Amino acid sequence: MIPVCRLDDLPAGESIRLDLDPPIAVFNADGELYAVDDTCTHQDASLSEGWLEGCLIECPLHAASFDLRNGTPTCLPARRALRTYPVSVLDGTVWVHAAPAETAQAAEAGQETAA
């Protein structure tokens, strides 16, 4: 688990970027916490700098939109889903359950071969 911030430091409608490999964005969407890959699957842009509306995040570059609940793109130009990560709050601290980069990349490679 990776500590993100105090829950009080992530108010509703806000996000925070974790500079990991790959970068992860954590969003507070109306009191629900979500974590996804921070980089848009269409083009290299930080989703944590996008526009949050409900459970949707809109990329600031070309307006691709993703559902934070499952990472699926909701409109073009994005076609590939984002990886999502479980989030929990323990003693007032937000935590992301993220696998090391090698594990995430191996899982992604397995999904591509299975498709």
PDB file of N, CA and C in Angstrom:
ATOM      1  N   MET A   1       0.845  -1.186   0.000  1.00  0.00           N
ATOM      2  CA  MET A   1       0.000   0.000   0.000  1.00  0.00           C
ATOM      3  C   MET A   1       0.886   1.243   0.000  1.00  0.00           C
ATOM      4  N   ILE A   2       0.388   2.252  -0.687  1.00  0.00           N
ATOM      5  CA  ILE A   2       1.124   3.507  -0.822  1.00  0.00           C
ATOM      6  C   ILE A   2       0.314   4.617  -0.155  1.00  0.00           C
ATOM      7  N   PRO A   3       0.911   5.326   0.823  1.00  0.00           N
ATOM      8  CA  PRO A   3       0.184   6.433   1.433  1.00  0.00           C
ATOM      9  C   PRO A   3       0.069   7.595   0.454  1.00  0.00           C
ATOM     10  N   VAL A   4      -1.118   8.217   0.407  1.00  0.00           N
ATOM     11  CA  VAL A   4      -1.362   9.299  -0.540  1.00  0.00           C
ATOM     12  C   VAL A   4      -1.343  10.639   0.181  1.00  0.00           C
ATOM     13  N   CYS A   5      -2.260  10.818   1.132  1.00  0.00           N
ATOM     14  CA  CYS A   5      -2.396  12.064   1.873  1.00  0.00           C
ATOM     15  C   CYS A   5      -3.420  11.847   2.979  1.00  0.00           C
ATOM     16  N   ARG A   6      -3.608  12.839   3.791  1.00  0.00           N
ATOM     17  CA  ARG A   6      -4.690  12.818   4.767  1.00  0.00           C
ATOM     18  C   ARG A   6      -5.995  13.021   4.004  1.00  0.00           C
ATOM     19  N   LEU A   7      -7.048  12.362   4.423  1.00  0.00           N
ATOM     20  CA  LEU A   7      -8.340  12.493   3.766  1.00  0.00           C
ATOM     21  C   LEU A   7      -8.797  13.949   3.736  1.00  0.00           C
ATOM     22  N   ASP A   8      -8.538  14.695   4.799  1.00  0.00           N
ATOM     23  CA  ASP A   8      -8.919  16.109   4.872  1.00  0.00           C
ATOM     24  C   ASP A   8      -8.205  16.953   3.818  1.00  0.00           C
ATOM     25  N   ASP A   9      -7.063  16.463   3.301  1.00  0.00           N
ATOM     26  CA  ASP A   9      -6.296  17.208   2.310  1.00  0.00           C
ATOM     27  C   ASP A   9      -6.736  16.916   0.867  1.00  0.00           C
ATOM     28  N   LEU A  10      -7.770  16.076   0.708  1.00  0.00           N
ATOM     29  CA  LEU A  10      -8.290  15.743  -0.618  1.00  0.00           C
ATOM     30  C   LEU A  10      -9.805  15.966  -0.623  1.00  0.00           C
ATOM     31  N   PRO A  11     -10.229  17.234  -0.702  1.00  0.00           N
ATOM     32  CA  PRO A  11     -11.666  17.531  -0.648  1.00  0.00           C
ATOM     33  C   PRO A  11     -12.397  17.052  -1.904  1.00  0.00           C
ATOM     34  N   ALA A  12     -13.698  16.941  -1.811  1.00  0.00           N
ATOM     35  CA  ALA A  12     -14.533  16.527  -2.950  1.00  0.00           C
ATOM     36  C   ALA A  12     -14.252  17.419  -4.152  1.00  0.00           C
ATOM     37  N   GLY A  13     -14.133  16.771  -5.315  1.00  0.00           N
ATOM     38  CA  GLY A  13     -13.878  17.492  -6.548  1.00  0.00           C
ATOM     39  C   GLY A  13     -12.406  17.720  -6.847  1.00  0.00           C
ATOM     40  N   GLU A  14     -11.539  17.230  -5.982  1.00  0.00           N
ATOM     41  CA  GLU A  14     -10.106  17.452  -6.158  1.00  0.00           C
ATOM     42  C   GLU A  14      -9.384  16.141  -6.478  1.00  0.00           C
ATOM     43  N   SER A  15      -8.133  16.280  -6.918  1.00  0.00           N
ATOM     44  CA  SER A  15      -7.298  15.114  -7.220  1.00  0.00           C
ATOM     45  C   SER A  15      -5.877  15.368  -6.762  1.00  0.00           C
ATOM     46  N   ILE A  16      -5.113  14.302  -6.722  1.00  0.00           N
ATOM     47  CA  ILE A  16      -3.706  14.392  -6.376  1.00  0.00           C
ATOM     48  C   ILE A  16      -2.948  13.393  -7.247  1.00  0.00           C
ATOM     49  N   ARG A  17      -1.786  13.770  -7.697  1.00  0.00           N
ATOM     50  CA  ARG A  17      -0.950  12.913  -8.549  1.00  0.00           C
ATOM     51  C   ARG A  17       0.172  12.309  -7.716  1.00  0.00           C
ATOM     52  N   LEU A  18       0.362  11.001  -7.871  1.00  0.00           N
ATOM     53  CA  LEU A  18       1.476  10.309  -7.235  1.00  0.00           C
ATOM     54  C   LEU A  18       2.530  10.059  -8.304  1.00  0.00           C
ATOM     55  N   ASP A  19       3.712  10.591  -8.099  1.00  0.00           N
ATOM     56  CA  ASP A  19       4.791  10.422  -9.074  1.00  0.00           C
ATOM     57  C   ASP A  19       5.451   9.066  -8.891  1.00  0.00           C
ATOM     58  N   LEU A  20       4.772   8.053  -9.412  1.00  0.00           N
ATOM     59  CA  LEU A  20       5.252   6.676  -9.349  1.00  0.00           C
ATOM     60  C   LEU A  20       5.548   6.215 -10.767  1.00  0.00           C
ATOM     61  N   ASP A  21       5.876   4.955 -10.915  1.00  0.00           N
ATOM     62  CA  ASP A  21       6.074   4.371 -12.242  1.00  0.00           C
ATOM     63  C   ASP A  21       5.108   3.223 -12.413  1.00  0.00           C
ATOM     64  N   PRO A  22       3.959   3.418 -13.042  1.00  0.00           N
ATOM     65  CA  PRO A  22       3.469   4.617 -13.717  1.00  0.00           C
ATOM     66  C   PRO A  22       2.836   5.592 -12.733  1.00  0.00           C
ATOM     67  N   PRO A  23       2.708   6.868 -13.123  1.00  0.00           N
ATOM     68  CA  PRO A  23       2.035   7.843 -12.256  1.00  0.00           C
ATOM     69  C   PRO A  23       0.582   7.437 -12.019  1.00  0.00           C
ATOM     70  N   ILE A  24       0.093   7.711 -10.812  1.00  0.00           N
ATOM     71  CA  ILE A  24      -1.285   7.382 -10.439  1.00  0.00           C
ATOM     72  C   ILE A  24      -1.970   8.659  -9.974  1.00  0.00           C
ATOM     73  N   ALA A  25      -3.230   8.823 -10.376  1.00  0.00           N
ATOM     74  CA  ALA A  25      -4.034   9.957  -9.920  1.00  0.00           C
ATOM     75  C   ALA A  25      -5.105   9.435  -8.975  1.00  0.00           C
ATOM     76  N   VAL A  26      -5.285  10.127  -7.867  1.00  0.00           N
ATOM     77  CA  VAL A  26      -6.315   9.779  -6.899  1.00  0.00           C
ATOM     78  C   VAL A  26      -7.328  10.922  -6.894  1.00  0.00           C
ATOM     79  N   PHE A  27      -8.611  10.561  -7.050  1.00  0.00           N
ATOM     80  CA  PHE A  27      -9.690  11.537  -7.152  1.00  0.00           C
ATOM     81  C   PHE A  27     -10.689  11.360  -6.013  1.00  0.00           C
ATOM     82  N   ASN A  28     -11.212  12.487  -5.534  1.00  0.00           N
ATOM     83  CA  ASN A  28     -12.333  12.475  -4.612  1.00  0.00           C
ATOM     84  C   ASN A  28     -13.541  12.954  -5.411  1.00  0.00           C
ATOM     85  N   ALA A  29     -14.339  11.995  -5.879  1.00  0.00           N
ATOM     86  CA  ALA A  29     -15.516  12.308  -6.691  1.00  0.00           C
ATOM     87  C   ALA A  29     -16.741  12.280  -5.789  1.00  0.00           C
ATOM     88  N   ASP A  30     -17.122  13.439  -5.298  1.00  0.00           N
ATOM     89  CA  ASP A  30     -18.295  13.568  -4.425  1.00  0.00           C
ATOM     90  C   ASP A  30     -18.228  12.631  -3.221  1.00  0.00           C
ATOM     91  N   GLY A  31     -17.047  12.527  -2.628  1.00  0.00           N
ATOM     92  CA  GLY A  31     -16.877  11.715  -1.430  1.00  0.00           C
ATOM     93  C   GLY A  31     -16.427  10.283  -1.683  1.00  0.00           C
ATOM     94  N   GLU A  32     -16.448   9.831  -2.934  1.00  0.00           N
ATOM     95  CA  GLU A  32     -15.948   8.497  -3.292  1.00  0.00           C
ATOM     96  C   GLU A  32     -14.524   8.644  -3.811  1.00  0.00           C
ATOM     97  N   LEU A  33     -13.619   7.796  -3.345  1.00  0.00           N
ATOM     98  CA  LEU A  33     -12.223   7.874  -3.762  1.00  0.00           C
ATOM     99  C   LEU A  33     -11.936   6.853  -4.859  1.00  0.00           C
ATOM    100  N   TYR A  34     -11.215   7.294  -5.885  1.00  0.00           N
ATOM    101  CA  TYR A  34     -10.831   6.442  -7.000  1.00  0.00           C
ATOM    102  C   TYR A  34      -9.371   6.703  -7.346  1.00  0.00           C
ATOM    103  N   ALA A  35      -8.685   5.652  -7.800  1.00  0.00           N
ATOM    104  CA  ALA A  35      -7.304   5.796  -8.261  1.00  0.00           C
ATOM    105  C   ALA A  35      -7.176   5.122  -9.620  1.00  0.00           C
ATOM    106  N   VAL A  36      -6.552   5.828 -10.554  1.00  0.00           N
ATOM    107  CA  VAL A  36      -6.348   5.328 -11.917  1.00  0.00           C
ATOM    108  C   VAL A  36      -4.959   5.749 -12.386  1.00  0.00           C
ATOM    109  N   ASP A  37      -4.499   5.131 -13.479  1.00  0.00           N
ATOM    110  CA  ASP A  37      -3.281   5.629 -14.112  1.00  0.00           C
ATOM    111  C   ASP A  37      -3.496   7.099 -14.443  1.00  0.00           C
ATOM    112  N   ASP A  38      -2.488   7.923 -14.199  1.00  0.00           N
ATOM    113  CA  ASP A  38      -2.645   9.360 -14.407  1.00  0.00           C
ATOM    114  C   ASP A  38      -2.492   9.765 -15.867  1.00  0.00           C
ATOM    115  N   THR A  39      -1.941   8.904 -16.695  1.00  0.00           N
ATOM    116  CA  THR A  39      -1.686   9.267 -18.085  1.00  0.00           C
ATOM    117  C   THR A  39      -2.823   8.802 -18.984  1.00  0.00           C
ATOM    118  N   CYS A  40      -3.371   9.721 -19.763  1.00  0.00           N
ATOM    119  CA  CYS A  40      -4.436   9.411 -20.717  1.00  0.00           C
ATOM    120  C   CYS A  40      -3.935   8.350 -21.693  1.00  0.00           C
ATOM    121  N   THR A  41      -4.788   7.392 -22.033  1.00  0.00           N
ATOM    122  CA  THR A  41      -4.385   6.319 -22.950  1.00  0.00           C
ATOM    123  C   THR A  41      -4.375   6.785 -24.401  1.00  0.00           C
ATOM    124  N   HIS A  42      -4.925   7.952 -24.684  1.00  0.00           N
ATOM    125  CA  HIS A  42      -4.911   8.478 -26.051  1.00  0.00           C
ATOM    126  C   HIS A  42      -3.596   9.178 -26.356  1.00  0.00           C
ATOM    127  N   GLN A  43      -3.166  10.048 -25.456  1.00  0.00           N
ATOM    128  CA  GLN A  43      -1.938  10.793 -25.652  1.00  0.00           C
ATOM    129  C   GLN A  43      -1.415  11.200 -24.285  1.00  0.00           C
ATOM    130  N   ASP A  44      -0.141  11.468 -24.200  1.00  0.00           N
ATOM    131  CA  ASP A  44       0.531  11.726 -22.933  1.00  0.00           C
ATOM    132  C   ASP A  44       0.044  13.030 -22.292  1.00  0.00           C
ATOM    133  N   ALA A  45      -0.968  12.903 -21.432  1.00  0.00           N
ATOM    134  CA  ALA A  45      -1.489  14.053 -20.697  1.00  0.00           C
ATOM    135  C   ALA A  45      -1.874  13.585 -19.298  1.00  0.00           C
ATOM    136  N   SER A  46      -1.686  14.447 -18.320  1.00  0.00           N
ATOM    137  CA  SER A  46      -1.980  14.121 -16.928  1.00  0.00           C
ATOM    138  C   SER A  46      -3.470  14.296 -16.643  1.00  0.00           C
ATOM    139  N   LEU A  47      -4.134  13.193 -16.299  1.00  0.00           N
ATOM    140  CA  LEU A  47      -5.565  13.251 -15.997  1.00  0.00           C
ATOM    141  C   LEU A  47      -5.854  13.992 -14.696  1.00  0.00           C
ATOM    142  N   SER A  48      -4.888  14.030 -13.791  1.00  0.00           N
ATOM    143  CA  SER A  48      -5.103  14.761 -12.538  1.00  0.00           C
ATOM    144  C   SER A  48      -5.271  16.261 -12.798  1.00  0.00           C
ATOM    145  N   GLU A  49      -4.906  16.718 -13.999  1.00  0.00           N
ATOM    146  CA  GLU A  49      -5.088  18.121 -14.378  1.00  0.00           C
ATOM    147  C   GLU A  49      -6.360  18.317 -15.198  1.00  0.00           C
ATOM    148  N   GLY A  50      -7.153  17.250 -15.342  1.00  0.00           N
ATOM    149  CA  GLY A  50      -8.375  17.311 -16.134  1.00  0.00           C
ATOM    150  C   GLY A  50      -9.556  17.832 -15.345  1.00  0.00           C
ATOM    151  N   TRP A  51     -10.747  17.670 -15.944  1.00  0.00           N
ATOM    152  CA  TRP A  51     -11.981  18.162 -15.338  1.00  0.00           C
ATOM    153  C   TRP A  51     -12.787  16.987 -14.808  1.00  0.00           C
ATOM    154  N   LEU A  52     -13.128  17.063 -13.545  1.00  0.00           N
ATOM    155  CA  LEU A  52     -13.863  16.001 -12.862  1.00  0.00           C
ATOM    156  C   LEU A  52     -15.337  16.379 -12.788  1.00  0.00           C
ATOM    157  N   GLU A  53     -16.191  15.473 -13.255  1.00  0.00           N
ATOM    158  CA  GLU A  53     -17.628  15.671 -13.145  1.00  0.00           C
ATOM    159  C   GLU A  53     -18.249  14.343 -12.745  1.00  0.00           C
ATOM    160  N   GLY A  54     -18.722  14.262 -11.506  1.00  0.00           N
ATOM    161  CA  GLY A  54     -19.230  12.992 -10.994  1.00  0.00           C
ATOM    162  C   GLY A  54     -18.108  11.974 -10.990  1.00  0.00           C
ATOM    163  N   CYS A  55     -18.342  10.826 -11.627  1.00  0.00           N
ATOM    164  CA  CYS A  55     -17.333   9.755 -11.715  1.00  0.00           C
ATOM    165  C   CYS A  55     -16.554   9.800 -13.019  1.00  0.00           C
ATOM    166  N   LEU A  56     -16.647  10.893 -13.758  1.00  0.00           N
ATOM    167  CA  LEU A  56     -15.954  11.000 -15.039  1.00  0.00           C
ATOM    168  C   LEU A  56     -14.820  12.002 -14.947  1.00  0.00           C
ATOM    169  N   ILE A  57     -13.670  11.638 -15.543  1.00  0.00           N
ATOM    170  CA  ILE A  57     -12.554  12.571 -15.650  1.00  0.00           C
ATOM    171  C   ILE A  57     -12.317  12.834 -17.134  1.00  0.00           C
ATOM    172  N   GLU A  58     -12.231  14.118 -17.483  1.00  0.00           N
ATOM    173  CA  GLU A  58     -11.998  14.519 -18.864  1.00  0.00           C
ATOM    174  C   GLU A  58     -10.543  14.944 -19.019  1.00  0.00           C
ATOM    175  N   CYS A  59      -9.869  14.374 -19.993  1.00  0.00           N
ATOM    176  CA  CYS A  59      -8.476  14.699 -20.276  1.00  0.00           C
ATOM    177  C   CYS A  59      -8.356  16.161 -20.692  1.00  0.00           C
ATOM    178  N   PRO A  60      -7.363  16.879 -20.176  1.00  0.00           N
ATOM    179  CA  PRO A  60      -7.218  18.293 -20.520  1.00  0.00           C
ATOM    180  C   PRO A  60      -6.687  18.522 -21.934  1.00  0.00           C
ATOM    181  N   LEU A  61      -6.210  17.472 -22.596  1.00  0.00           N
ATOM    182  CA  LEU A  61      -5.596  17.661 -23.908  1.00  0.00           C
ATOM    183  C   LEU A  61      -6.586  17.572 -25.063  1.00  0.00           C
ATOM    184  N   HIS A  62      -7.311  16.450 -25.174  1.00  0.00           N
ATOM    185  CA  HIS A  62      -8.225  16.271 -26.302  1.00  0.00           C
ATOM    186  C   HIS A  62      -9.637  15.900 -25.867  1.00  0.00           C
ATOM    187  N   ALA A  63      -9.977  16.107 -24.605  1.00  0.00           N
ATOM    188  CA  ALA A  63     -11.320  15.895 -24.066  1.00  0.00           C
ATOM    189  C   ALA A  63     -11.774  14.436 -24.056  1.00  0.00           C
ATOM    190  N   ALA A  64     -10.838  13.483 -24.116  1.00  0.00           N
ATOM    191  CA  ALA A  64     -11.221  12.091 -23.889  1.00  0.00           C
ATOM    192  C   ALA A  64     -11.729  11.995 -22.462  1.00  0.00           C
ATOM    193  N   SER A  65     -12.696  11.133 -22.233  1.00  0.00           N
ATOM    194  CA  SER A  65     -13.305  11.017 -20.916  1.00  0.00           C
ATOM    195  C   SER A  65     -13.256   9.568 -20.452  1.00  0.00           C
ATOM    196  N   PHE A  66     -13.057   9.364 -19.154  1.00  0.00           N
ATOM    197  CA  PHE A  66     -12.953   8.032 -18.574  1.00  0.00           C
ATOM    198  C   PHE A  66     -13.848   7.918 -17.345  1.00  0.00           C
ATOM    199  N   ASP A  67     -14.413   6.743 -17.156  1.00  0.00           N
ATOM    200  CA  ASP A  67     -15.192   6.434 -15.963  1.00  0.00           C
ATOM    201  C   ASP A  67     -14.211   5.985 -14.884  1.00  0.00           C
ATOM    202  N   LEU A  68     -14.136   6.714 -13.786  1.00  0.00           N
ATOM    203  CA  LEU A  68     -13.190   6.398 -12.719  1.00  0.00           C
ATOM    204  C   LEU A  68     -13.501   5.078 -12.024  1.00  0.00           C
ATOM    205  N   ARG A  69     -14.736   4.628 -12.097  1.00  0.00           N
ATOM    206  CA  ARG A  69     -15.116   3.389 -11.407  1.00  0.00           C
ATOM    207  C   ARG A  69     -14.481   2.160 -12.033  1.00  0.00           C
ATOM    208  N   ASN A  70     -14.256   2.192 -13.346  1.00  0.00           N
ATOM    209  CA  ASN A  70     -13.694   1.000 -14.003  1.00  0.00           C
ATOM    210  C   ASN A  70     -12.632   1.328 -15.041  1.00  0.00           C
ATOM    211  N   GLY A  71     -12.339   2.599 -15.254  1.00  0.00           N
ATOM    212  CA  GLY A  71     -11.280   3.009 -16.162  1.00  0.00           C
ATOM    213  C   GLY A  71     -11.654   3.051 -17.633  1.00  0.00           C
ATOM    214  N   THR A  72     -12.886   2.689 -17.978  1.00  0.00           N
ATOM    215  CA  THR A  72     -13.256   2.618 -19.393  1.00  0.00           C
ATOM    216  C   THR A  72     -13.425   4.018 -20.000  1.00  0.00           C
ATOM    217  N   PRO A  73     -12.980   4.165 -21.249  1.00  0.00           N
ATOM    218  CA  PRO A  73     -13.197   5.442 -21.926  1.00  0.00           C
ATOM    219  C   PRO A  73     -14.674   5.586 -22.268  1.00  0.00           C
ATOM    220  N   THR A  74     -15.193   6.787 -22.156  1.00  0.00           N
ATOM    221  CA  THR A  74     -16.611   7.023 -22.427  1.00  0.00           C
ATOM    222  C   THR A  74     -16.820   7.764 -23.739  1.00  0.00           C
ATOM    223  N   CYS A  75     -15.728   8.224 -24.359  1.00  0.00           N
ATOM    224  CA  CYS A  75     -15.828   8.881 -25.657  1.00  0.00           C
ATOM    225  C   CYS A  75     -14.468   8.887 -26.333  1.00  0.00           C
ATOM    226  N   LEU A  76     -14.490   9.131 -27.628  1.00  0.00           N
ATOM    227  CA  LEU A  76     -13.252   9.245 -28.398  1.00  0.00           C
ATOM    228  C   LEU A  76     -12.583  10.565 -28.050  1.00  0.00           C
ATOM    229  N   PRO A  77     -11.291  10.704 -28.219  1.00  0.00           N
ATOM    230  CA  PRO A  77     -10.427   9.839 -28.988  1.00  0.00           C
ATOM    231  C   PRO A  77      -9.828   8.663 -28.224  1.00  0.00           C
ATOM    232  N   ALA A  78     -10.050   8.547 -26.926  1.00  0.00           N
ATOM    233  CA  ALA A  78      -9.489   7.418 -26.176  1.00  0.00           C
ATOM    234  C   ALA A  78     -10.231   6.136 -26.511  1.00  0.00           C
ATOM    235  N   ARG A  79      -9.472   5.057 -26.649  1.00  0.00           N
ATOM    236  CA  ARG A  79     -10.058   3.749 -26.946  1.00  0.00           C
ATOM    237  C   ARG A  79      -9.677   2.693 -25.910  1.00  0.00           C
ATOM    238  N   ARG A  80      -8.544   2.892 -25.237  1.00  0.00           N
ATOM    239  CA  ARG A  80      -8.079   1.921 -24.244  1.00  0.00           C
ATOM    240  C   ARG A  80      -8.435   2.380 -22.834  1.00  0.00           C
ATOM    241  N   ALA A  81      -8.740   1.413 -21.995  1.00  0.00           N
ATOM    242  CA  ALA A  81      -9.098   1.704 -20.602  1.00  0.00           C
ATOM    243  C   ALA A  81      -7.860   2.038 -19.775  1.00  0.00           C
ATOM    244  N   LEU A  82      -8.090   2.731 -18.694  1.00  0.00           N
ATOM    245  CA  LEU A  82      -7.059   3.007 -17.688  1.00  0.00           C
ATOM    246  C   LEU A  82      -7.026   1.852 -16.698  1.00  0.00           C
ATOM    247  N   ARG A  83      -5.869   1.602 -16.103  1.00  0.00           N
ATOM    248  CA  ARG A  83      -5.821   0.672 -14.968  1.00  0.00           C
ATOM    249  C   ARG A  83      -6.398   1.403 -13.765  1.00  0.00           C
ATOM    250  N   THR A  84      -7.142   0.675 -12.954  1.00  0.00           N
ATOM    251  CA  THR A  84      -7.691   1.228 -11.719  1.00  0.00           C
ATOM    252  C   THR A  84      -7.014   0.543 -10.546  1.00  0.00           C
ATOM    253  N   TYR A  85      -7.018   1.207  -9.403  1.00  0.00           N
ATOM    254  CA  TYR A  85      -6.369   0.695  -8.197  1.00  0.00           C
ATOM    255  C   TYR A  85      -7.319   0.837  -7.017  1.00  0.00           C
ATOM    256  N   PRO A  86      -7.363  -0.169  -6.146  1.00  0.00           N
ATOM    257  CA  PRO A  86      -8.193  -0.036  -4.936  1.00  0.00           C
ATOM    258  C   PRO A  86      -7.660   1.084  -4.035  1.00  0.00           C
ATOM    259  N   VAL A  87      -8.572   1.761  -3.385  1.00  0.00           N
ATOM    260  CA  VAL A  87      -8.240   2.849  -2.460  1.00  0.00           C
ATOM    261  C   VAL A  87      -8.897   2.553  -1.126  1.00  0.00           C
ATOM    262  N   SER A  88      -8.195   2.825  -0.043  1.00  0.00           N
ATOM    263  CA  SER A  88      -8.803   2.672   1.270  1.00  0.00           C
ATOM    264  C   SER A  88      -8.372   3.846   2.153  1.00  0.00           C
ATOM    265  N   VAL A  89      -9.110   4.033   3.232  1.00  0.00           N
ATOM    266  CA  VAL A  89      -8.796   5.071   4.209  1.00  0.00           C
ATOM    267  C   VAL A  89      -8.618   4.372   5.545  1.00  0.00           C
ATOM    268  N   LEU A  90      -7.443   4.551   6.134  1.00  0.00           N
ATOM    269  CA  LEU A  90      -7.133   3.969   7.437  1.00  0.00           C
ATOM    270  C   LEU A  90      -6.644   5.071   8.360  1.00  0.00           C
ATOM    271  N   ASP A  91      -7.303   5.242   9.480  1.00  0.00           N
ATOM    272  CA  ASP A  91      -6.936   6.265  10.463  1.00  0.00           C
ATOM    273  C   ASP A  91      -6.783   7.645   9.839  1.00  0.00           C
ATOM    274  N   GLY A  92      -7.684   7.975   8.891  1.00  0.00           N
ATOM    275  CA  GLY A  92      -7.671   9.297   8.291  1.00  0.00           C
ATOM    276  C   GLY A  92      -6.682   9.486   7.157  1.00  0.00           C
ATOM    277  N   THR A  93      -5.939   8.446   6.796  1.00  0.00           N
ATOM    278  CA  THR A  93      -4.976   8.526   5.697  1.00  0.00           C
ATOM    279  C   THR A  93      -5.494   7.741   4.503  1.00  0.00           C
ATOM    280  N   VAL A  94      -5.375   8.330   3.311  1.00  0.00           N
ATOM    281  CA  VAL A  94      -5.772   7.672   2.066  1.00  0.00           C
ATOM    282  C   VAL A  94      -4.611   6.807   1.586  1.00  0.00           C
ATOM    283  N   TRP A  95      -4.924   5.565   1.223  1.00  0.00           N
ATOM    284  CA  TRP A  95      -3.918   4.608   0.737  1.00  0.00           C
ATOM    285  C   TRP A  95      -4.348   4.052  -0.614  1.00  0.00           C
ATOM    286  N   VAL A  96      -3.384   3.860  -1.502  1.00  0.00           N
ATOM    287  CA  VAL A  96      -3.627   3.205  -2.786  1.00  0.00           C
ATOM    288  C   VAL A  96      -2.947   1.850  -2.756  1.00  0.00           C
ATOM    289  N   HIS A  97      -3.670   0.843  -3.190  1.00  0.00           N
ATOM    290  CA  HIS A  97      -3.136  -0.512  -3.271  1.00  0.00           C
ATOM    291  C   HIS A  97      -2.625  -0.711  -4.690  1.00  0.00           C
ATOM    292  N   ALA A  98      -1.369  -0.398  -4.928  1.00  0.00           N
ATOM    293  CA  ALA A  98      -0.795  -0.479  -6.271  1.00  0.00           C
ATOM    294  C   ALA A  98       0.332  -1.497  -6.310  1.00  0.00           C
ATOM    295  N   ALA A  99       0.341  -2.279  -7.371  1.00  0.00           N
ATOM    296  CA  ALA A  99       1.401  -3.259  -7.581  1.00  0.00           C
ATOM    297  C   ALA A  99       2.630  -2.544  -8.130  1.00  0.00           C
ATOM    298  N   PRO A 100       3.811  -3.112  -7.908  1.00  0.00           N
ATOM    299  CA  PRO A 100       5.012  -2.529  -8.526  1.00  0.00           C
ATOM    300  C   PRO A 100       4.851  -2.503 -10.048  1.00  0.00           C
ATOM    301  N   ALA A 101       5.586  -1.628 -10.697  1.00  0.00           N
ATOM    302  CA  ALA A 101       5.463  -1.429 -12.145  1.00  0.00           C
ATOM    303  C   ALA A 101       5.609  -2.727 -12.926  1.00  0.00           C
ATOM    304  N   GLU A 102       6.549  -3.589 -12.535  1.00  0.00           N
ATOM    305  CA  GLU A 102       6.756  -4.836 -13.272  1.00  0.00           C
ATOM    306  C   GLU A 102       5.493  -5.701 -13.237  1.00  0.00           C
ATOM    307  N   THR A 103       4.842  -5.775 -12.098  1.00  0.00           N
ATOM    308  CA  THR A 103       3.636  -6.586 -11.961  1.00  0.00           C
ATOM    309  C   THR A 103       2.513  -6.002 -12.807  1.00  0.00           C
ATOM    310  N   ALA A 104       2.346  -4.686 -12.772  1.00  0.00           N
ATOM    311  CA  ALA A 104       1.300  -4.045 -13.557  1.00  0.00           C
ATOM    312  C   ALA A 104       1.554  -4.229 -15.045  1.00  0.00           C
ATOM    313  N   GLN A 105       2.814  -4.105 -15.466  1.00  0.00           N
ATOM    314  CA  GLN A 105       3.138  -4.271 -16.883  1.00  0.00           C
ATOM    315  C   GLN A 105       2.919  -5.717 -17.323  1.00  0.00           C
ATOM    316  N   ALA A 106       3.253  -6.670 -16.471  1.00  0.00           N
ATOM    317  CA  ALA A 106       3.041  -8.078 -16.801  1.00  0.00           C
ATOM    318  C   ALA A 106       1.545  -8.372 -16.929  1.00  0.00           C
ATOM    319  N   ALA A 107       0.751  -7.815 -16.036  1.00  0.00           N
ATOM    320  CA  ALA A 107      -0.700  -8.019 -16.092  1.00  0.00           C
ATOM    321  C   ALA A 107      -1.264  -7.413 -17.367  1.00  0.00           C
ATOM    322  N   GLU A 108      -0.784  -6.219 -17.729  1.00  0.00           N
ATOM    323  CA  GLU A 108      -1.246  -5.565 -18.939  1.00  0.00           C
ATOM    324  C   GLU A 108      -0.868  -6.380 -20.170  1.00  0.00           C
ATOM    325  N   ALA A 109       0.344  -6.912 -20.194  1.00  0.00           N
ATOM    326  CA  ALA A 109       0.790  -7.734 -21.326  1.00  0.00           C
ATOM    327  C   ALA A 109      -0.071  -8.987 -21.439  1.00  0.00           C
ATOM    328  N   GLY A 110      -0.446  -9.566 -20.317  1.00  0.00           N
ATOM    329  CA  GLY A 110      -1.313 -10.749 -20.324  1.00  0.00           C
ATOM    330  C   GLY A 110      -2.682 -10.432 -20.864  1.00  0.00           C
ATOM    331  N   GLN A 111      -3.205  -9.243 -20.567  1.00  0.00           N
ATOM    332  CA  GLN A 111      -4.525  -8.840 -21.073  1.00  0.00           C
ATOM    333  C   GLN A 111      -4.470  -8.629 -22.577  1.00  0.00           C
ATOM    334  N   GLU A 112      -3.357  -8.070 -23.075  1.00  0.00           N
ATOM    335  CA  GLU A 112      -3.244  -7.812 -24.510  1.00  0.00           C
ATOM    336  C   GLU A 112      -3.173  -9.117 -25.293  1.00  0.00           C
ATOM    337  N   THR A 113      -2.477 -10.125 -24.744  1.00  0.00           N
ATOM    338  CA  THR A 113      -2.361 -11.400 -25.449  1.00  0.00           C
ATOM    339  C   THR A 113      -3.677 -12.159 -25.399  1.00  0.00           C
ATOM    340  N   ALA A 114      -4.433 -11.967 -24.330  1.00  0.00           N
ATOM    341  CA  ALA A 114      -5.698 -12.679 -24.188  1.00  0.00           C
ATOM    342  C   ALA A 114      -6.773 -12.075 -25.102  1.00  0.00           C
ATOM    343  N   ALA A 115      -6.587 -10.830 -25.503  1.00  0.00           N
ATOM    344  CA  ALA A 115      -7.605 -10.149 -26.324  1.00  0.00           C
ATOM    345  C   ALA A 115      -7.604 -10.585 -27.769  1.00  0.00           C
TER     346      ALA A 115
END
